[in-house]
Every structure is written in structure tokens, then in C-alpha cells.
Amino acid sequence: MFTQKLGLVLTFSFLVWLGATLFFVLLGDAVLADPAEEPFLLNFLLLEAGTALVLCLVFFLYQKLDRSQYAVIKLGIWGSAIGLLIDTFSLWNHPILFPALSKGQVIAFAIWMVCAYAMYLLIPLMFSYKK
């Protein structure tokens, strides 16, 4: 059933969001480049590669805890929905959450975030395809 282990999926979803947000609160100024600057593409690609690796690890761990048939797809959907909802408020209140980031870095964060959520939805499909 789709709602089995709902508490686990909600907890994982929140922790993934919290981990990503804390990463950018603490290191965003160092890793985000304004999209108009030259190092943006390299920084963006490195961040997305790191994000993909972390997400694969998260899905691998989640699959060990929830062995139901569509566990990783459930995490991808719930995690994306919860994260996008919370990130709406994060971006809305970026001067409070990300005070060290310039406007360009906030745009870079939003660009990273869009691609990260695409991976959050697509990587589970690769995990379920392997089964």
C-alpha cells in the first residue's frame, strides 16, 4: 500500500531537505557562483554531481529500511513534494535563511534546486528499474 511506512518517508523527506538547506546555509557563499560569472557552470555541474551521489546513497539506505515494492518511488514523490513546499518559503525568505548569499547566488541556488528535484524524481526510477 502507498501509505505504508508514511512516518519513515516523511522523516527521510524532511531530513533530505534539512541536509541540503544546511549545506547551503553553511557553505552556499563558497560553492555558489552567480550565473553571470564564469565559474558558474563548473560549480553547478560539481554541485549536481555531488547531489546525485548523495541522493543515490539516500535512496539506497531508504530501500534497506523500506523493502516495499515502490519504496524509492514513494520517497522521490513525497520528498520532492515536501521539499518543494518548504523551499517555497525558503526562497521567499532567503534574506533570513541565506543572509550571506548575493541575489545572483540565490538565483544559482534556485537553479541547483530545480535540477536537484528533477533528480529526486528520476533517480528512484533507475533504482526500481534495476529490480
N, C-alpha and C. Protein backbone atom coordinates (compact mmCIF):
# COMPACT_ATOMS: atom_id res chain seq x y z
N MET A 1 0.84 -1.19 0.00
CA MET A 1 0.00 0.00 0.00
C MET A 1 0.88 1.25 0.00
N PHE A 2 0.43 2.28 -0.66
CA PHE A 2 1.21 3.50 -0.84
C PHE A 2 1.48 4.23 0.47
N THR A 3 0.59 4.12 1.44
CA THR A 3 0.76 4.86 2.70
C THR A 3 1.51 4.07 3.76
N GLN A 4 1.97 2.88 3.44
CA GLN A 4 2.75 2.11 4.40
C GLN A 4 4.02 2.87 4.74
N LYS A 5 4.40 2.85 6.00
CA LYS A 5 5.61 3.48 6.48
C LYS A 5 5.66 4.97 6.15
N LEU A 6 4.52 5.64 6.24
CA LEU A 6 4.43 7.05 5.92
C LEU A 6 5.33 7.89 6.83
N GLY A 7 5.41 7.54 8.10
CA GLY A 7 6.28 8.28 9.02
C GLY A 7 7.73 8.22 8.60
N LEU A 8 8.17 7.07 8.13
CA LEU A 8 9.55 6.91 7.67
C LEU A 8 9.83 7.76 6.44
N VAL A 9 8.93 7.74 5.49
CA VAL A 9 9.14 8.51 4.27
C VAL A 9 9.09 10.01 4.56
N LEU A 10 8.21 10.43 5.46
CA LEU A 10 8.15 11.86 5.81
C LEU A 10 9.41 12.29 6.55
N THR A 11 9.90 11.44 7.43
CA THR A 11 11.13 11.75 8.16
C THR A 11 12.31 11.86 7.20
N PHE A 12 12.46 10.88 6.32
CA PHE A 12 13.55 10.92 5.34
C PHE A 12 13.42 12.16 4.47
N SER A 13 12.22 12.47 4.03
CA SER A 13 12.00 13.63 3.17
C SER A 13 12.44 14.91 3.86
N PHE A 14 12.05 15.07 5.11
CA PHE A 14 12.42 16.26 5.85
C PHE A 14 13.94 16.31 6.08
N LEU A 15 14.54 15.18 6.39
CA LEU A 15 15.98 15.16 6.63
C LEU A 15 16.79 15.47 5.38
N VAL A 16 16.32 15.01 4.24
CA VAL A 16 16.99 15.34 2.97
C VAL A 16 16.91 16.85 2.73
N TRP A 17 15.72 17.40 2.92
CA TRP A 17 15.56 18.85 2.75
C TRP A 17 16.45 19.60 3.74
N LEU A 18 16.45 19.20 5.00
CA LEU A 18 17.23 19.86 6.03
C LEU A 18 18.72 19.79 5.73
N GLY A 19 19.19 18.63 5.32
CA GLY A 19 20.60 18.47 4.98
C GLY A 19 21.03 19.39 3.84
N ALA A 20 20.23 19.43 2.79
CA ALA A 20 20.56 20.29 1.65
C ALA A 20 20.52 21.77 2.05
N THR A 21 19.52 22.14 2.82
CA THR A 21 19.39 23.53 3.24
C THR A 21 20.55 23.94 4.14
N LEU A 22 20.89 23.10 5.10
CA LEU A 22 22.02 23.42 5.98
C LEU A 22 23.33 23.51 5.21
N PHE A 23 23.49 22.65 4.21
CA PHE A 23 24.69 22.72 3.37
C PHE A 23 24.82 24.12 2.75
N PHE A 24 23.72 24.62 2.20
CA PHE A 24 23.79 25.93 1.54
C PHE A 24 23.79 27.10 2.53
N VAL A 25 23.20 26.90 3.69
CA VAL A 25 23.29 27.94 4.73
C VAL A 25 24.74 28.09 5.17
N LEU A 26 25.43 26.96 5.35
CA LEU A 26 26.80 26.98 5.85
C LEU A 26 27.84 27.23 4.76
N LEU A 27 27.64 26.65 3.58
CA LEU A 27 28.67 26.70 2.54
C LEU A 27 28.23 27.38 1.25
N GLY A 28 27.00 27.87 1.21
CA GLY A 28 26.48 28.44 -0.02
C GLY A 28 27.33 29.54 -0.61
N ASP A 29 27.84 30.41 0.24
CA ASP A 29 28.66 31.52 -0.24
C ASP A 29 29.94 31.03 -0.92
N ALA A 30 30.44 29.88 -0.48
CA ALA A 30 31.67 29.34 -1.03
C ALA A 30 31.45 28.50 -2.30
N VAL A 31 30.28 27.89 -2.43
CA VAL A 31 30.08 26.95 -3.54
C VAL A 31 29.17 27.47 -4.65
N LEU A 32 28.43 28.53 -4.38
CA LEU A 32 27.51 29.06 -5.40
C LEU A 32 28.13 30.26 -6.10
N ALA A 33 28.07 30.24 -7.41
CA ALA A 33 28.56 31.37 -8.21
C ALA A 33 27.38 31.99 -8.94
N ASP A 34 27.41 33.27 -9.08
CA ASP A 34 26.39 34.00 -9.83
C ASP A 34 26.34 33.43 -11.25
N PRO A 35 25.15 33.15 -11.81
CA PRO A 35 25.06 32.59 -13.16
C PRO A 35 25.73 33.45 -14.23
N ALA A 36 25.92 34.73 -13.96
CA ALA A 36 26.57 35.60 -14.94
C ALA A 36 28.09 35.49 -14.87
N GLU A 37 28.63 34.84 -13.86
CA GLU A 37 30.08 34.71 -13.70
C GLU A 37 30.59 33.46 -14.39
N GLU A 38 31.86 33.49 -14.73
CA GLU A 38 32.47 32.39 -15.47
C GLU A 38 32.47 31.04 -14.74
N PRO A 39 32.74 30.99 -13.43
CA PRO A 39 32.80 29.67 -12.78
C PRO A 39 31.44 29.02 -12.52
N PHE A 40 30.36 29.66 -12.93
CA PHE A 40 29.04 29.12 -12.61
C PHE A 40 28.85 27.70 -13.14
N LEU A 41 29.14 27.46 -14.40
CA LEU A 41 28.86 26.15 -15.00
C LEU A 41 29.62 25.03 -14.29
N LEU A 42 30.90 25.24 -14.04
CA LEU A 42 31.69 24.21 -13.36
C LEU A 42 31.16 23.97 -11.95
N ASN A 43 30.89 25.04 -11.21
CA ASN A 43 30.34 24.89 -9.86
C ASN A 43 29.00 24.16 -9.90
N PHE A 44 28.15 24.54 -10.83
CA PHE A 44 26.84 23.93 -10.98
C PHE A 44 26.96 22.43 -11.26
N LEU A 45 27.83 22.06 -12.20
CA LEU A 45 27.99 20.65 -12.55
C LEU A 45 28.54 19.84 -11.38
N LEU A 46 29.48 20.41 -10.64
CA LEU A 46 30.03 19.71 -9.48
C LEU A 46 28.98 19.55 -8.38
N LEU A 47 28.20 20.59 -8.15
CA LEU A 47 27.13 20.50 -7.16
C LEU A 47 26.09 19.45 -7.54
N GLU A 48 25.72 19.42 -8.80
CA GLU A 48 24.72 18.44 -9.24
C GLU A 48 25.26 17.02 -9.19
N ALA A 49 26.55 16.85 -9.52
CA ALA A 49 27.15 15.52 -9.42
C ALA A 49 27.17 15.06 -7.97
N GLY A 50 27.55 15.95 -7.07
CA GLY A 50 27.53 15.62 -5.64
C GLY A 50 26.12 15.32 -5.15
N THR A 51 25.17 16.09 -5.63
CA THR A 51 23.77 15.88 -5.26
C THR A 51 23.29 14.51 -5.73
N ALA A 52 23.64 14.14 -6.94
CA ALA A 52 23.24 12.83 -7.47
C ALA A 52 23.83 11.71 -6.61
N LEU A 53 25.08 11.84 -6.22
CA LEU A 53 25.70 10.81 -5.39
C LEU A 53 25.02 10.71 -4.02
N VAL A 54 24.76 11.85 -3.41
CA VAL A 54 24.09 11.85 -2.10
C VAL A 54 22.68 11.27 -2.22
N LEU A 55 21.95 11.65 -3.27
CA LEU A 55 20.61 11.11 -3.45
C LEU A 55 20.63 9.59 -3.67
N CYS A 56 21.60 9.11 -4.43
CA CYS A 56 21.72 7.66 -4.62
C CYS A 56 21.97 6.96 -3.29
N LEU A 57 22.80 7.56 -2.45
CA LEU A 57 23.05 6.99 -1.12
C LEU A 57 21.78 7.01 -0.27
N VAL A 58 21.06 8.12 -0.31
CA VAL A 58 19.80 8.22 0.44
C VAL A 58 18.81 7.17 -0.02
N PHE A 59 18.65 7.02 -1.33
CA PHE A 59 17.70 6.02 -1.84
C PHE A 59 18.15 4.60 -1.50
N PHE A 60 19.45 4.36 -1.56
CA PHE A 60 19.98 3.04 -1.20
C PHE A 60 19.66 2.72 0.26
N LEU A 61 19.93 3.69 1.15
CA LEU A 61 19.65 3.49 2.57
C LEU A 61 18.15 3.33 2.83
N TYR A 62 17.35 4.15 2.17
CA TYR A 62 15.91 4.06 2.36
C TYR A 62 15.38 2.70 1.91
N GLN A 63 15.92 2.20 0.82
CA GLN A 63 15.49 0.91 0.28
C GLN A 63 15.82 -0.22 1.25
N LYS A 64 16.86 -0.04 2.05
CA LYS A 64 17.21 -1.05 3.07
C LYS A 64 16.20 -1.04 4.22
N LEU A 65 15.64 0.14 4.51
CA LEU A 65 14.69 0.26 5.61
C LEU A 65 13.25 -0.05 5.19
N ASP A 66 12.92 0.30 3.98
CA ASP A 66 11.56 0.04 3.47
C ASP A 66 11.69 -0.83 2.23
N ARG A 67 11.39 -2.09 2.39
CA ARG A 67 11.58 -3.05 1.30
C ARG A 67 10.32 -3.25 0.45
N SER A 68 9.35 -2.36 0.62
CA SER A 68 8.13 -2.48 -0.18
C SER A 68 8.45 -2.19 -1.65
N GLN A 69 7.58 -2.62 -2.53
CA GLN A 69 7.84 -2.62 -3.96
C GLN A 69 8.19 -1.23 -4.51
N TYR A 70 7.48 -0.23 -4.14
CA TYR A 70 7.71 1.11 -4.70
C TYR A 70 8.28 2.09 -3.67
N ALA A 71 9.10 1.58 -2.76
CA ALA A 71 9.61 2.40 -1.66
C ALA A 71 10.37 3.63 -2.16
N VAL A 72 11.30 3.45 -3.08
CA VAL A 72 12.11 4.60 -3.51
C VAL A 72 11.30 5.58 -4.35
N ILE A 73 10.34 5.09 -5.09
CA ILE A 73 9.47 5.99 -5.86
C ILE A 73 8.62 6.80 -4.89
N LYS A 74 8.13 6.15 -3.83
CA LYS A 74 7.36 6.84 -2.80
C LYS A 74 8.21 7.95 -2.17
N LEU A 75 9.48 7.65 -1.85
CA LEU A 75 10.36 8.67 -1.28
C LEU A 75 10.62 9.80 -2.27
N GLY A 76 10.80 9.48 -3.53
CA GLY A 76 11.02 10.51 -4.53
C GLY A 76 9.85 11.47 -4.66
N ILE A 77 8.64 10.91 -4.65
CA ILE A 77 7.44 11.75 -4.79
C ILE A 77 7.21 12.57 -3.52
N TRP A 78 7.18 11.89 -2.37
CA TRP A 78 6.95 12.61 -1.11
C TRP A 78 8.07 13.60 -0.82
N GLY A 79 9.30 13.17 -1.04
CA GLY A 79 10.43 14.05 -0.77
C GLY A 79 10.42 15.29 -1.64
N SER A 80 10.09 15.13 -2.90
CA SER A 80 10.00 16.28 -3.80
C SER A 80 8.86 17.20 -3.39
N ALA A 81 7.72 16.62 -3.09
CA ALA A 81 6.57 17.45 -2.70
C ALA A 81 6.84 18.24 -1.43
N ILE A 82 7.35 17.57 -0.43
CA ILE A 82 7.64 18.23 0.85
C ILE A 82 8.74 19.26 0.68
N GLY A 83 9.81 18.87 0.00
CA GLY A 83 10.93 19.79 -0.19
C GLY A 83 10.55 21.02 -0.99
N LEU A 84 9.79 20.83 -2.04
CA LEU A 84 9.37 21.98 -2.85
C LEU A 84 8.47 22.92 -2.06
N LEU A 85 7.60 22.35 -1.26
CA LEU A 85 6.73 23.19 -0.44
C LEU A 85 7.54 24.01 0.57
N ILE A 86 8.46 23.37 1.26
CA ILE A 86 9.28 24.09 2.24
C ILE A 86 10.22 25.07 1.54
N ASP A 87 10.77 24.67 0.41
CA ASP A 87 11.68 25.57 -0.31
C ASP A 87 10.98 26.80 -0.88
N THR A 88 9.68 26.71 -1.08
CA THR A 88 8.93 27.91 -1.47
C THR A 88 9.13 28.99 -0.42
N PHE A 89 9.02 28.59 0.83
CA PHE A 89 9.19 29.55 1.92
C PHE A 89 10.67 29.91 2.12
N SER A 90 11.56 28.96 1.84
CA SER A 90 13.00 29.24 1.95
C SER A 90 13.41 30.33 0.97
N LEU A 91 12.96 30.21 -0.27
CA LEU A 91 13.31 31.22 -1.27
C LEU A 91 12.60 32.55 -0.99
N TRP A 92 11.38 32.45 -0.55
CA TRP A 92 10.62 33.64 -0.22
C TRP A 92 11.32 34.45 0.88
N ASN A 93 11.89 33.72 1.84
CA ASN A 93 12.57 34.34 2.98
C ASN A 93 14.08 34.20 2.89
N HIS A 94 14.62 34.22 1.69
CA HIS A 94 16.06 34.00 1.52
C HIS A 94 16.94 34.98 2.28
N PRO A 95 16.53 36.24 2.49
CA PRO A 95 17.41 37.12 3.28
C PRO A 95 17.60 36.64 4.73
N ILE A 96 16.63 35.92 5.24
CA ILE A 96 16.72 35.41 6.61
C ILE A 96 17.50 34.09 6.64
N LEU A 97 17.15 33.16 5.73
CA LEU A 97 17.79 31.85 5.71
C LEU A 97 19.18 31.86 5.10
N PHE A 98 19.37 32.67 4.10
CA PHE A 98 20.65 32.72 3.39
C PHE A 98 21.19 34.15 3.36
N PRO A 99 21.49 34.73 4.51
CA PRO A 99 21.89 36.13 4.54
C PRO A 99 23.23 36.42 3.86
N ALA A 100 24.08 35.40 3.74
CA ALA A 100 25.40 35.61 3.14
C ALA A 100 25.37 35.55 1.61
N LEU A 101 24.26 35.14 1.03
CA LEU A 101 24.20 34.97 -0.42
C LEU A 101 23.77 36.25 -1.11
N SER A 102 24.44 36.52 -2.23
CA SER A 102 24.03 37.65 -3.08
C SER A 102 22.78 37.24 -3.86
N LYS A 103 22.15 38.20 -4.53
CA LYS A 103 20.97 37.88 -5.36
C LYS A 103 21.33 36.86 -6.44
N GLY A 104 22.50 37.01 -7.05
CA GLY A 104 22.94 36.06 -8.06
C GLY A 104 23.14 34.67 -7.50
N GLN A 105 23.66 34.57 -6.29
CA GLN A 105 23.84 33.27 -5.65
C GLN A 105 22.50 32.64 -5.29
N VAL A 106 21.52 33.46 -4.94
CA VAL A 106 20.18 32.92 -4.67
C VAL A 106 19.60 32.36 -5.96
N ILE A 107 19.83 33.03 -7.07
CA ILE A 107 19.38 32.51 -8.37
C ILE A 107 20.10 31.19 -8.67
N ALA A 108 21.40 31.14 -8.40
CA ALA A 108 22.17 29.90 -8.61
C ALA A 108 21.62 28.78 -7.73
N PHE A 109 21.26 29.10 -6.49
CA PHE A 109 20.65 28.11 -5.60
C PHE A 109 19.34 27.59 -6.19
N ALA A 110 18.52 28.50 -6.70
CA ALA A 110 17.24 28.10 -7.30
C ALA A 110 17.46 27.21 -8.52
N ILE A 111 18.46 27.52 -9.32
CA ILE A 111 18.79 26.70 -10.49
C ILE A 111 19.22 25.30 -10.04
N TRP A 112 20.12 25.26 -9.04
CA TRP A 112 20.55 23.97 -8.50
C TRP A 112 19.34 23.19 -8.00
N MET A 113 18.46 23.89 -7.28
CA MET A 113 17.31 23.24 -6.66
C MET A 113 16.39 22.60 -7.71
N VAL A 114 16.13 23.28 -8.79
CA VAL A 114 15.25 22.74 -9.83
C VAL A 114 15.83 21.43 -10.38
N CYS A 115 17.11 21.43 -10.67
CA CYS A 115 17.74 20.22 -11.19
C CYS A 115 17.81 19.12 -10.13
N ALA A 116 18.04 19.51 -8.88
CA ALA A 116 18.10 18.52 -7.80
C ALA A 116 16.75 17.83 -7.63
N TYR A 117 15.66 18.59 -7.73
CA TYR A 117 14.34 17.96 -7.61
C TYR A 117 14.02 17.08 -8.81
N ALA A 118 14.53 17.43 -9.97
CA ALA A 118 14.36 16.54 -11.13
C ALA A 118 15.06 15.21 -10.86
N MET A 119 16.26 15.28 -10.28
CA MET A 119 16.97 14.04 -9.93
C MET A 119 16.25 13.28 -8.83
N TYR A 120 15.68 14.01 -7.88
CA TYR A 120 14.93 13.40 -6.77
C TYR A 120 13.76 12.57 -7.32
N LEU A 121 13.21 12.98 -8.45
CA LEU A 121 12.11 12.24 -9.07
C LEU A 121 12.60 11.15 -10.02
N LEU A 122 13.73 11.37 -10.68
CA LEU A 122 14.19 10.43 -11.71
C LEU A 122 15.06 9.30 -11.18
N ILE A 123 15.90 9.58 -10.19
CA ILE A 123 16.80 8.54 -9.66
C ILE A 123 16.01 7.34 -9.13
N PRO A 124 14.89 7.54 -8.43
CA PRO A 124 14.12 6.36 -7.97
C PRO A 124 13.67 5.46 -9.12
N LEU A 125 13.43 6.03 -10.27
CA LEU A 125 13.03 5.20 -11.41
C LEU A 125 14.16 4.26 -11.81
N MET A 126 15.39 4.75 -11.73
CA MET A 126 16.54 3.89 -12.03
C MET A 126 16.68 2.79 -10.99
N PHE A 127 16.43 3.12 -9.71
CA PHE A 127 16.51 2.11 -8.66
C PHE A 127 15.44 1.05 -8.86
N SER A 128 14.22 1.45 -9.19
CA SER A 128 13.14 0.47 -9.35
C SER A 128 13.30 -0.31 -10.65
N TYR A 129 13.95 0.27 -11.65
CA TYR A 129 14.18 -0.43 -12.91
C TYR A 129 15.16 -1.58 -12.72
N LYS A 130 16.14 -1.40 -11.83
CA LYS A 130 17.14 -2.44 -11.56
C LYS A 130 16.52 -3.69 -10.96
N LYS A 131 15.43 -3.54 -10.22
CA LYS A 131 14.77 -4.68 -9.61
C LYS A 131 14.21 -5.53 -10.67
